[in-house]
Amino acid sequence: MRSKLTLTRRIFTAAAGALALVVAGAPAQQPASATLDNLMAAFNGESNAHAKYAAFAERADAEGHAGVAALFRATARAEEVHARNHAAVIIALGGTPEATIEMPEIGTTAENLQAAIEGESHERDTMYPEFLATARRERQIEAVRSFNFALTAETEHAALYQEALENLDGWGVAQPWYVCSVCGWTTRTLPDERCLACFQDVEVYEEIL
């Protein structure tokens, strides 16, 4: 697993590049303390999810569940995309992205999948809907966009983890996954032309195995 410093540096570097895309040509946004707090919480959560899923992938490989390991690596990359997006908006609002990476509790692959389902379900059902409501109320369009990207991907992640848990023995062979580097959408099948979630050209997808 990466050290705290290495992970934070990588996300900060990506955020710097993303910032130009977020603010170029856009009018200055008004301060949004609640949305900024929510972005910071989301950034911390996605950064920890990235580290957690990377650790879960190692355990899945060790237990012979190569297909699950590949899924965890793909979702880890997606969480990194979400953290980068959140970081860019935090910077645009005048904040500094900060994350405290905590050592995850690592169980069996089945236990790790259940933990992942619970985490993604919380983000899908509670955290991101609440954050979106606040960002819309404060008219923070870029925060809405970043939260929406994460919510859409986390909904799919929860379903994929559930599928893997219900048929763990059938996930012994790794297969490639495709992750959108713009929104974090994660899929087995590369779209024909555009991302199904953010509509960017398919060239933005990354193959993860």
Protein backbone atom coordinates (compact mmCIF):
# COMPACT_ATOMS: atom_id res chain seq x y z
CA MET A 1 0.00 0.00 0.00
CA ARG A 2 1.22 3.49 -0.77
CA SER A 3 2.43 5.65 2.07
CA LYS A 4 0.22 8.53 3.15
CA LEU A 5 2.62 11.03 1.61
CA THR A 6 2.85 9.28 -1.75
CA LEU A 7 -0.90 8.93 -2.12
CA THR A 8 -1.60 12.52 -1.15
CA ARG A 9 1.07 13.83 -3.51
CA ARG A 10 -0.37 11.85 -6.42
CA ILE A 11 -3.88 13.15 -5.83
CA PHE A 12 -2.64 16.73 -5.42
CA THR A 13 -0.71 16.49 -8.69
CA ALA A 14 -3.79 15.25 -10.52
CA ALA A 15 -5.89 17.96 -8.92
CA ALA A 16 -3.62 20.69 -10.23
CA GLY A 17 -4.20 19.50 -13.78
CA ALA A 18 -7.93 19.12 -13.25
CA LEU A 19 -8.24 22.63 -11.82
CA ALA A 20 -7.61 24.24 -15.20
CA LEU A 21 -10.51 22.30 -16.67
CA VAL A 22 -12.82 23.24 -13.84
CA VAL A 23 -12.25 26.99 -13.69
CA ALA A 24 -11.14 27.94 -17.21
CA GLY A 25 -13.49 30.57 -18.52
CA ALA A 26 -15.85 30.26 -15.56
CA PRO A 27 -16.91 33.17 -13.34
CA ALA A 28 -15.63 33.24 -9.79
CA GLN A 29 -17.85 31.27 -7.43
CA GLN A 30 -19.18 32.63 -4.17
CA PRO A 31 -17.90 31.17 -0.91
CA ALA A 32 -19.79 28.02 0.05
CA SER A 33 -18.77 26.90 3.50
CA ALA A 34 -21.12 23.91 3.76
CA THR A 35 -20.29 22.66 0.28
CA LEU A 36 -16.59 23.18 0.90
CA ASP A 37 -16.82 21.16 4.11
CA ASN A 38 -18.66 18.42 2.24
CA LEU A 39 -16.05 18.40 -0.52
CA MET A 40 -13.32 18.02 2.08
CA ALA A 41 -15.17 15.11 3.68
CA ALA A 42 -15.70 13.49 0.28
CA PHE A 43 -12.06 13.99 -0.68
CA ASN A 44 -10.95 12.31 2.54
CA GLY A 45 -13.42 9.47 2.04
CA GLU A 46 -12.48 8.81 -1.58
CA SER A 47 -8.76 8.95 -0.75
CA ASN A 48 -9.26 6.35 1.97
CA ALA A 49 -11.43 4.23 -0.31
CA HIS A 50 -8.62 4.21 -2.88
CA ALA A 51 -6.15 2.93 -0.29
CA LYS A 52 -8.65 0.44 1.14
CA TYR A 53 -9.57 -1.11 -2.19
CA ALA A 54 -5.91 -1.41 -3.17
CA ALA A 55 -5.35 -3.39 0.05
CA PHE A 56 -8.46 -5.50 -0.58
CA ALA A 57 -7.12 -6.33 -4.06
CA GLU A 58 -3.92 -7.71 -2.56
CA ARG A 59 -5.91 -9.94 -0.20
CA ALA A 60 -8.15 -11.17 -3.03
CA ASP A 61 -5.09 -12.09 -5.10
CA ALA A 62 -3.60 -13.94 -2.14
CA GLU A 63 -6.81 -15.94 -1.72
CA GLY A 64 -7.03 -16.87 -5.40
CA HIS A 65 -9.88 -14.52 -6.31
CA ALA A 66 -8.12 -12.84 -9.21
CA GLY A 67 -11.35 -11.54 -10.71
CA VAL A 68 -12.29 -9.79 -7.48
CA ALA A 69 -8.77 -8.39 -7.18
CA ALA A 70 -9.09 -6.85 -10.65
CA LEU A 71 -12.43 -5.33 -9.68
CA PHE A 72 -10.95 -3.83 -6.52
CA ARG A 73 -8.05 -2.36 -8.51
CA ALA A 74 -10.48 -0.82 -10.98
CA THR A 75 -12.67 0.68 -8.28
CA ALA A 76 -9.57 1.93 -6.46
CA ARG A 77 -8.68 3.85 -9.61
CA ALA A 78 -12.23 5.20 -9.82
CA GLU A 79 -12.04 6.47 -6.25
CA GLU A 80 -8.79 8.20 -7.13
CA VAL A 81 -10.60 9.95 -10.00
CA HIS A 82 -13.33 11.10 -7.61
CA ALA A 83 -10.76 12.39 -5.13
CA ARG A 84 -9.02 14.33 -7.91
CA ASN A 85 -12.30 15.87 -9.05
CA HIS A 86 -13.25 16.89 -5.52
CA ALA A 87 -9.77 18.33 -4.95
CA ALA A 88 -10.03 20.52 -8.03
CA VAL A 89 -13.30 22.06 -6.81
CA ILE A 90 -11.91 22.51 -3.30
CA ILE A 91 -9.02 24.49 -4.76
CA ALA A 92 -11.40 26.54 -6.92
CA LEU A 93 -13.34 27.46 -3.77
CA GLY A 94 -10.16 28.58 -2.03
CA GLY A 95 -9.58 25.50 0.11
CA THR A 96 -6.73 23.04 0.42
CA PRO A 97 -7.48 19.33 -0.10
CA GLU A 98 -6.36 17.28 2.90
CA ALA A 99 -6.78 13.59 3.61
CA THR A 100 -5.85 11.43 6.56
CA ILE A 101 -5.23 7.94 5.25
CA GLU A 102 -6.12 5.31 7.82
CA MET A 103 -5.04 1.68 7.74
CA PRO A 104 -8.11 -0.32 6.67
CA GLU A 105 -9.30 -3.41 8.49
CA ILE A 106 -8.63 -6.28 6.10
CA GLY A 107 -10.63 -9.49 6.41
CA THR A 108 -11.33 -12.30 4.01
CA THR A 109 -12.30 -11.39 0.46
CA ALA A 110 -15.95 -12.09 1.27
CA GLU A 111 -15.75 -9.84 4.33
CA ASN A 112 -13.98 -7.15 2.33
CA LEU A 113 -16.68 -7.25 -0.34
CA GLN A 114 -19.36 -6.88 2.31
CA ALA A 115 -17.51 -3.91 3.81
CA ALA A 116 -17.21 -2.36 0.35
CA ILE A 117 -20.93 -2.84 -0.31
CA GLU A 118 -21.77 -1.10 2.97
CA GLY A 119 -19.45 1.80 2.21
CA GLU A 120 -20.69 2.32 -1.34
CA SER A 121 -24.31 1.97 -0.24
CA HIS A 122 -23.84 4.69 2.37
CA GLU A 123 -22.38 7.01 -0.25
CA ARG A 124 -25.16 6.14 -2.71
CA ASP A 125 -28.10 6.42 -0.30
CA THR A 126 -27.02 9.05 2.21
CA MET A 127 -23.75 10.92 1.79
CA TYR A 128 -23.79 12.05 -1.83
CA PRO A 129 -27.54 12.81 -1.98
CA GLU A 130 -27.13 15.08 1.05
CA PHE A 131 -24.00 16.71 -0.38
CA LEU A 132 -25.76 17.26 -3.71
CA ALA A 133 -28.76 18.91 -2.03
CA THR A 134 -26.46 21.37 -0.25
CA ALA A 135 -24.40 22.13 -3.36
CA ARG A 136 -27.55 22.78 -5.38
CA ARG A 137 -28.91 25.05 -2.67
CA GLU A 138 -25.63 27.00 -2.69
CA ARG A 139 -25.56 26.95 -6.51
CA GLN A 140 -22.13 25.38 -6.64
CA ILE A 141 -22.34 23.89 -10.12
CA GLU A 142 -18.88 22.32 -10.22
CA ALA A 143 -19.45 20.67 -6.84
CA VAL A 144 -22.75 19.29 -8.14
CA ARG A 145 -20.92 17.90 -11.15
CA SER A 146 -18.20 16.27 -9.05
CA PHE A 147 -20.68 14.79 -6.57
CA ASN A 148 -22.88 13.51 -9.40
CA PHE A 149 -19.95 11.77 -11.06
CA ALA A 150 -19.10 10.04 -7.80
CA LEU A 151 -22.70 9.10 -6.99
CA THR A 152 -23.24 7.52 -10.40
CA ALA A 153 -20.06 5.44 -10.18
CA GLU A 154 -20.58 4.41 -6.54
CA THR A 155 -24.06 3.12 -7.40
CA GLU A 156 -22.51 0.85 -10.02
CA HIS A 157 -19.69 -0.20 -7.69
CA ALA A 158 -22.16 -1.36 -5.05
CA ALA A 159 -23.92 -3.52 -7.64
CA LEU A 160 -20.64 -5.02 -8.89
CA TYR A 161 -19.48 -5.85 -5.36
CA GLN A 162 -22.83 -7.52 -4.65
CA GLU A 163 -22.51 -9.57 -7.83
CA ALA A 164 -19.00 -10.66 -6.87
CA LEU A 165 -20.04 -11.59 -3.33
CA GLU A 166 -22.97 -13.70 -4.52
CA ASN A 167 -20.77 -15.68 -6.91
CA LEU A 168 -17.34 -15.53 -5.33
CA ASP A 169 -16.21 -18.89 -6.71
CA GLY A 170 -16.91 -17.66 -10.23
CA TRP A 171 -14.54 -14.73 -9.87
CA GLY A 172 -11.30 -16.69 -9.85
CA VAL A 173 -10.03 -15.41 -13.21
CA ALA A 174 -9.05 -11.80 -13.78
CA GLN A 175 -10.61 -9.87 -16.62
CA PRO A 176 -9.89 -6.33 -17.78
CA TRP A 177 -11.98 -3.47 -16.46
CA TYR A 178 -12.36 -0.04 -17.99
CA VAL A 179 -12.44 3.11 -15.88
CA CYS A 180 -13.34 6.57 -17.13
CA SER A 181 -10.58 8.95 -16.10
CA VAL A 182 -13.06 11.85 -16.07
CA CYS A 183 -15.93 10.53 -13.94
CA GLY A 184 -14.77 7.15 -12.60
CA TRP A 185 -17.45 5.04 -14.32
CA THR A 186 -16.33 1.41 -14.13
CA THR A 187 -17.35 -1.22 -16.66
CA ARG A 188 -16.41 -4.59 -18.10
CA THR A 189 -17.17 -3.45 -21.63
CA LEU A 190 -15.52 -0.47 -23.27
CA PRO A 191 -18.22 1.85 -24.68
CA ASP A 192 -18.35 2.22 -28.44
CA GLU A 193 -17.90 5.98 -28.60
CA ARG A 194 -18.61 7.87 -25.38
CA CYS A 195 -18.74 7.30 -21.64
CA LEU A 196 -22.24 6.30 -20.62
CA ALA A 197 -22.01 8.46 -17.47
CA CYS A 198 -20.23 11.69 -18.46
CA PHE A 199 -20.40 11.44 -22.29
CA GLN A 200 -16.69 12.07 -22.79
CA ASP A 201 -14.95 10.43 -25.72
CA VAL A 202 -14.08 6.79 -25.07
CA GLU A 203 -10.40 7.67 -25.38
CA VAL A 204 -10.47 8.90 -21.77
CA TYR A 205 -10.98 5.31 -20.53
CA GLU A 206 -8.17 3.38 -18.88
CA GLU A 207 -7.83 -0.42 -18.89
CA ILE A 208 -7.25 -1.93 -15.44
CA LEU A 209 -6.35 -5.59 -14.85
